[in-house]
Amino acid sequence: MSSNEEFPLKNKQAAIDIKGVHTEILLTGFADKIFVVITQYGKIGSLIQATLDASPHSANSPSSVPMTTQFLMGESTGDQSELYSLYATSILQAIGAMNPHEKRPLLLGIALKPIEALSERRDIFHQIIDQVMSNRVW
């Protein structure tokens, strides 16, 4: 491979400070999946696959597209796992809104520090989703 050739995978990486906590975000567009890592620990705590059950362009709105989420690794019960499922479905819905013809499933590796206050959780959620959407690989 010559040095002029680009790596065949599209990668984006970001690091943000959220309420004093370093947060890493890595996105990779594979031919068959979109892989997103969101971590505040420098490692993956849970691995979730989210798939569209119908084509996004056939739905009335991105939020009405039926999806399936499946924990492949990590804790799949409790408050944190519900939050992680919300991240997976929200990211996949946003991808569908940006590109209605996107059909690849999302593979989400995530490890976030637990936050009790709902308002803080909401603020962190929006900061992370905004960062993911501004570094798209789809």
C-alpha atoms as a PDB file:
ATOM      1  CA  MET A   1       0.000   0.000   0.000  1.00  0.00           C
ATOM      2  CA  SER A   2       1.454   3.353  -0.954  1.00  0.00           C
ATOM      3  CA  SER A   3       1.596   6.145   1.594  1.00  0.00           C
ATOM      4  CA  ASN A   4      -0.738   8.237  -0.601  1.00  0.00           C
ATOM      5  CA  GLU A   5      -3.661   5.856  -0.112  1.00  0.00           C
ATOM      6  CA  GLU A   6      -6.175   6.682   2.591  1.00  0.00           C
ATOM      7  CA  PHE A   7      -7.081   4.204   5.279  1.00  0.00           C
ATOM      8  CA  PRO A   8     -10.304   2.535   4.047  1.00  0.00           C
ATOM      9  CA  LEU A   9     -12.225   3.186   7.277  1.00  0.00           C
ATOM     10  CA  LYS A  10     -13.605   6.590   8.135  1.00  0.00           C
ATOM     11  CA  ASN A  11     -12.571   7.550  11.690  1.00  0.00           C
ATOM     12  CA  LYS A  12     -13.323  10.560  13.856  1.00  0.00           C
ATOM     13  CA  GLN A  13     -12.149  11.162  17.394  1.00  0.00           C
ATOM     14  CA  ALA A  14     -13.029  13.791  19.982  1.00  0.00           C
ATOM     15  CA  ALA A  15     -12.291  14.508  23.607  1.00  0.00           C
ATOM     16  CA  ILE A  16     -14.431  16.823  25.699  1.00  0.00           C
ATOM     17  CA  ASP A  17     -14.566  17.895  29.301  1.00  0.00           C
ATOM     18  CA  ILE A  18     -18.013  17.382  30.811  1.00  0.00           C
ATOM     19  CA  LYS A  19     -18.448  18.763  34.319  1.00  0.00           C
ATOM     20  CA  GLY A  20     -14.746  18.197  34.998  1.00  0.00           C
ATOM     21  CA  VAL A  21     -14.754  14.634  33.624  1.00  0.00           C
ATOM     22  CA  HIS A  22     -12.614  13.791  30.579  1.00  0.00           C
ATOM     23  CA  THR A  23     -14.803  12.075  27.982  1.00  0.00           C
ATOM     24  CA  GLU A  24     -13.424  10.317  24.890  1.00  0.00           C
ATOM     25  CA  ILE A  25     -15.518   9.693  21.780  1.00  0.00           C
ATOM     26  CA  LEU A  26     -14.351   7.551  18.864  1.00  0.00           C
ATOM     27  CA  LEU A  27     -16.408   6.883  15.750  1.00  0.00           C
ATOM     28  CA  THR A  28     -15.557   4.435  12.971  1.00  0.00           C
ATOM     29  CA  GLY A  29     -17.598   3.753   9.854  1.00  0.00           C
ATOM     30  CA  PHE A  30     -17.157   0.134   8.795  1.00  0.00           C
ATOM     31  CA  ALA A  31     -18.783  -1.246   5.648  1.00  0.00           C
ATOM     32  CA  ASP A  32     -21.290  -3.226   7.711  1.00  0.00           C
ATOM     33  CA  LYS A  33     -21.554  -1.268  11.018  1.00  0.00           C
ATOM     34  CA  ILE A  34     -21.090   2.102  12.630  1.00  0.00           C
ATOM     35  CA  PHE A  35     -18.915   1.736  15.724  1.00  0.00           C
ATOM     36  CA  VAL A  36     -19.048   4.410  18.425  1.00  0.00           C
ATOM     37  CA  VAL A  37     -17.098   4.406  21.697  1.00  0.00           C
ATOM     38  CA  ILE A  38     -18.036   6.838  24.468  1.00  0.00           C
ATOM     39  CA  THR A  39     -15.967   6.509  27.612  1.00  0.00           C
ATOM     40  CA  GLN A  40     -15.066   8.376  30.759  1.00  0.00           C
ATOM     41  CA  TYR A  41     -12.917   5.478  32.002  1.00  0.00           C
ATOM     42  CA  GLY A  42     -10.634   4.898  29.000  1.00  0.00           C
ATOM     43  CA  LYS A  43     -12.246   1.503  28.389  1.00  0.00           C
ATOM     44  CA  ILE A  44     -15.535  -0.052  27.269  1.00  0.00           C
ATOM     45  CA  GLY A  45     -17.904  -1.139  30.032  1.00  0.00           C
ATOM     46  CA  SER A  46     -20.849  -2.263  27.911  1.00  0.00           C
ATOM     47  CA  LEU A  47     -21.188  -3.163  24.259  1.00  0.00           C
ATOM     48  CA  ILE A  48     -24.613  -2.653  22.695  1.00  0.00           C
ATOM     49  CA  GLN A  49     -25.870  -3.317  19.192  1.00  0.00           C
ATOM     50  CA  ALA A  50     -28.778  -1.247  17.912  1.00  0.00           C
ATOM     51  CA  THR A  51     -30.470  -2.119  14.635  1.00  0.00           C
ATOM     52  CA  LEU A  52     -33.257  -0.554  12.635  1.00  0.00           C
ATOM     53  CA  ASP A  53     -36.243  -2.842  12.171  1.00  0.00           C
ATOM     54  CA  ALA A  54     -37.489  -0.783   9.205  1.00  0.00           C
ATOM     55  CA  SER A  55     -35.956   1.623   6.732  1.00  0.00           C
ATOM     56  CA  PRO A  56     -35.679   5.173   8.151  1.00  0.00           C
ATOM     57  CA  HIS A  57     -36.978   6.817   4.970  1.00  0.00           C
ATOM     58  CA  SER A  58     -40.227   4.826   5.192  1.00  0.00           C
ATOM     59  CA  ALA A  59     -41.128   6.227   8.637  1.00  0.00           C
ATOM     60  CA  ASN A  60     -42.957   9.477   9.399  1.00  0.00           C
ATOM     61  CA  SER A  61     -40.130  10.664  11.666  1.00  0.00           C
ATOM     62  CA  PRO A  62     -36.785   9.289  12.864  1.00  0.00           C
ATOM     63  CA  SER A  63     -38.197   8.664  16.342  1.00  0.00           C
ATOM     64  CA  SER A  64     -40.939   6.427  14.940  1.00  0.00           C
ATOM     65  CA  VAL A  65     -38.559   3.953  13.290  1.00  0.00           C
ATOM     66  CA  PRO A  66     -38.750   0.669  15.220  1.00  0.00           C
ATOM     67  CA  MET A  67     -35.377  -0.502  16.601  1.00  0.00           C
ATOM     68  CA  THR A  68     -33.911  -3.351  18.530  1.00  0.00           C
ATOM     69  CA  THR A  69     -31.124  -2.980  21.083  1.00  0.00           C
ATOM     70  CA  GLN A  70     -29.128  -5.894  22.412  1.00  0.00           C
ATOM     71  CA  PHE A  71     -26.432  -5.918  25.077  1.00  0.00           C
ATOM     72  CA  LEU A  72     -23.547  -7.986  23.734  1.00  0.00           C
ATOM     73  CA  MET A  73     -21.368  -7.457  26.822  1.00  0.00           C
ATOM     74  CA  GLY A  74     -21.741  -5.698  30.133  1.00  0.00           C
ATOM     75  CA  GLU A  75     -24.512  -5.188  32.636  1.00  0.00           C
ATOM     76  CA  SER A  76     -27.895  -5.238  30.905  1.00  0.00           C
ATOM     77  CA  THR A  77     -30.117  -4.330  33.861  1.00  0.00           C
ATOM     78  CA  GLY A  78     -30.402  -1.261  36.059  1.00  0.00           C
ATOM     79  CA  ASP A  79     -30.426   2.503  35.629  1.00  0.00           C
ATOM     80  CA  GLN A  80     -27.097   2.745  33.833  1.00  0.00           C
ATOM     81  CA  SER A  81     -28.066   0.085  31.278  1.00  0.00           C
ATOM     82  CA  GLU A  82     -31.340   1.919  30.554  1.00  0.00           C
ATOM     83  CA  LEU A  83     -29.325   5.086  29.976  1.00  0.00           C
ATOM     84  CA  TYR A  84     -26.933   3.205  27.676  1.00  0.00           C
ATOM     85  CA  SER A  85     -29.883   1.868  25.652  1.00  0.00           C
ATOM     86  CA  LEU A  86     -31.159   5.433  25.345  1.00  0.00           C
ATOM     87  CA  TYR A  87     -27.769   6.524  23.988  1.00  0.00           C
ATOM     88  CA  ALA A  88     -27.791   3.704  21.424  1.00  0.00           C
ATOM     89  CA  THR A  89     -31.315   4.383  20.167  1.00  0.00           C
ATOM     90  CA  SER A  90     -30.848   8.162  20.160  1.00  0.00           C
ATOM     91  CA  ILE A  91     -27.625   7.945  18.159  1.00  0.00           C
ATOM     92  CA  LEU A  92     -29.198   5.554  15.645  1.00  0.00           C
ATOM     93  CA  GLN A  93     -32.294   7.800  15.336  1.00  0.00           C
ATOM     94  CA  ALA A  94     -30.083  10.845  14.768  1.00  0.00           C
ATOM     95  CA  ILE A  95     -28.097   8.987  12.113  1.00  0.00           C
ATOM     96  CA  GLY A  96     -31.366   8.061  10.400  1.00  0.00           C
ATOM     97  CA  ALA A  97     -32.497  11.693  10.519  1.00  0.00           C
ATOM     98  CA  MET A  98     -29.207  12.871   8.959  1.00  0.00           C
ATOM     99  CA  ASN A  99     -29.089  10.102   6.363  1.00  0.00           C
ATOM    100  CA  PRO A 100     -32.468   8.377   5.769  1.00  0.00           C
ATOM    101  CA  HIS A 101     -30.832   5.747   3.531  1.00  0.00           C
ATOM    102  CA  GLU A 102     -28.390   4.576   6.232  1.00  0.00           C
ATOM    103  CA  LYS A 103     -29.070   0.938   7.117  1.00  0.00           C
ATOM    104  CA  ARG A 104     -25.962  -0.111   9.026  1.00  0.00           C
ATOM    105  CA  PRO A 105     -26.479  -1.149  12.649  1.00  0.00           C
ATOM    106  CA  LEU A 106     -24.795   0.743  15.455  1.00  0.00           C
ATOM    107  CA  LEU A 107     -22.294  -0.929  17.737  1.00  0.00           C
ATOM    108  CA  LEU A 108     -21.903   1.230  20.851  1.00  0.00           C
ATOM    109  CA  GLY A 109     -19.128   0.729  23.388  1.00  0.00           C
ATOM    110  CA  ILE A 110     -19.877   2.874  26.413  1.00  0.00           C
ATOM    111  CA  ALA A 111     -18.645   3.492  29.957  1.00  0.00           C
ATOM    112  CA  LEU A 112     -19.911   6.578  31.771  1.00  0.00           C
ATOM    113  CA  LYS A 113     -19.623   7.600  35.384  1.00  0.00           C
ATOM    114  CA  PRO A 114     -22.968   7.276  37.194  1.00  0.00           C
ATOM    115  CA  ILE A 115     -24.796  10.564  37.807  1.00  0.00           C
ATOM    116  CA  GLU A 116     -27.771  10.738  40.165  1.00  0.00           C
ATOM    117  CA  ALA A 117     -29.270  14.131  39.267  1.00  0.00           C
ATOM    118  CA  LEU A 118     -31.628  13.853  36.295  1.00  0.00           C
ATOM    119  CA  SER A 119     -30.864  17.397  35.114  1.00  0.00           C
ATOM    120  CA  GLU A 120     -27.118  16.628  35.045  1.00  0.00           C
ATOM    121  CA  ARG A 121     -27.750  13.353  33.212  1.00  0.00           C
ATOM    122  CA  ARG A 122     -29.791  15.231  30.618  1.00  0.00           C
ATOM    123  CA  ASP A 123     -27.106  17.896  30.166  1.00  0.00           C
ATOM    124  CA  ILE A 124     -24.338  15.295  29.785  1.00  0.00           C
ATOM    125  CA  PHE A 125     -26.501  13.286  27.370  1.00  0.00           C
ATOM    126  CA  HIS A 126     -27.026  16.313  25.104  1.00  0.00           C
ATOM    127  CA  GLN A 127     -23.336  17.266  25.143  1.00  0.00           C
ATOM    128  CA  ILE A 128     -22.302  13.753  24.160  1.00  0.00           C
ATOM    129  CA  ILE A 129     -24.963  13.344  21.463  1.00  0.00           C
ATOM    130  CA  ASP A 130     -24.039  16.751  19.995  1.00  0.00           C
ATOM    131  CA  GLN A 131     -20.373  15.721  19.884  1.00  0.00           C
ATOM    132  CA  VAL A 132     -21.198  12.381  18.214  1.00  0.00           C
ATOM    133  CA  MET A 133     -23.381  14.098  15.609  1.00  0.00           C
ATOM    134  CA  SER A 134     -20.728  16.710  14.807  1.00  0.00           C
ATOM    135  CA  ASN A 135     -18.141  13.964  14.139  1.00  0.00           C
ATOM    136  CA  ARG A 136     -20.185  11.750  11.866  1.00  0.00           C
ATOM    137  CA  VAL A 137     -18.758   8.868   9.858  1.00  0.00           C
ATOM    138  CA  TRP A 138     -21.940   7.969   7.971  1.00  0.00           C
END
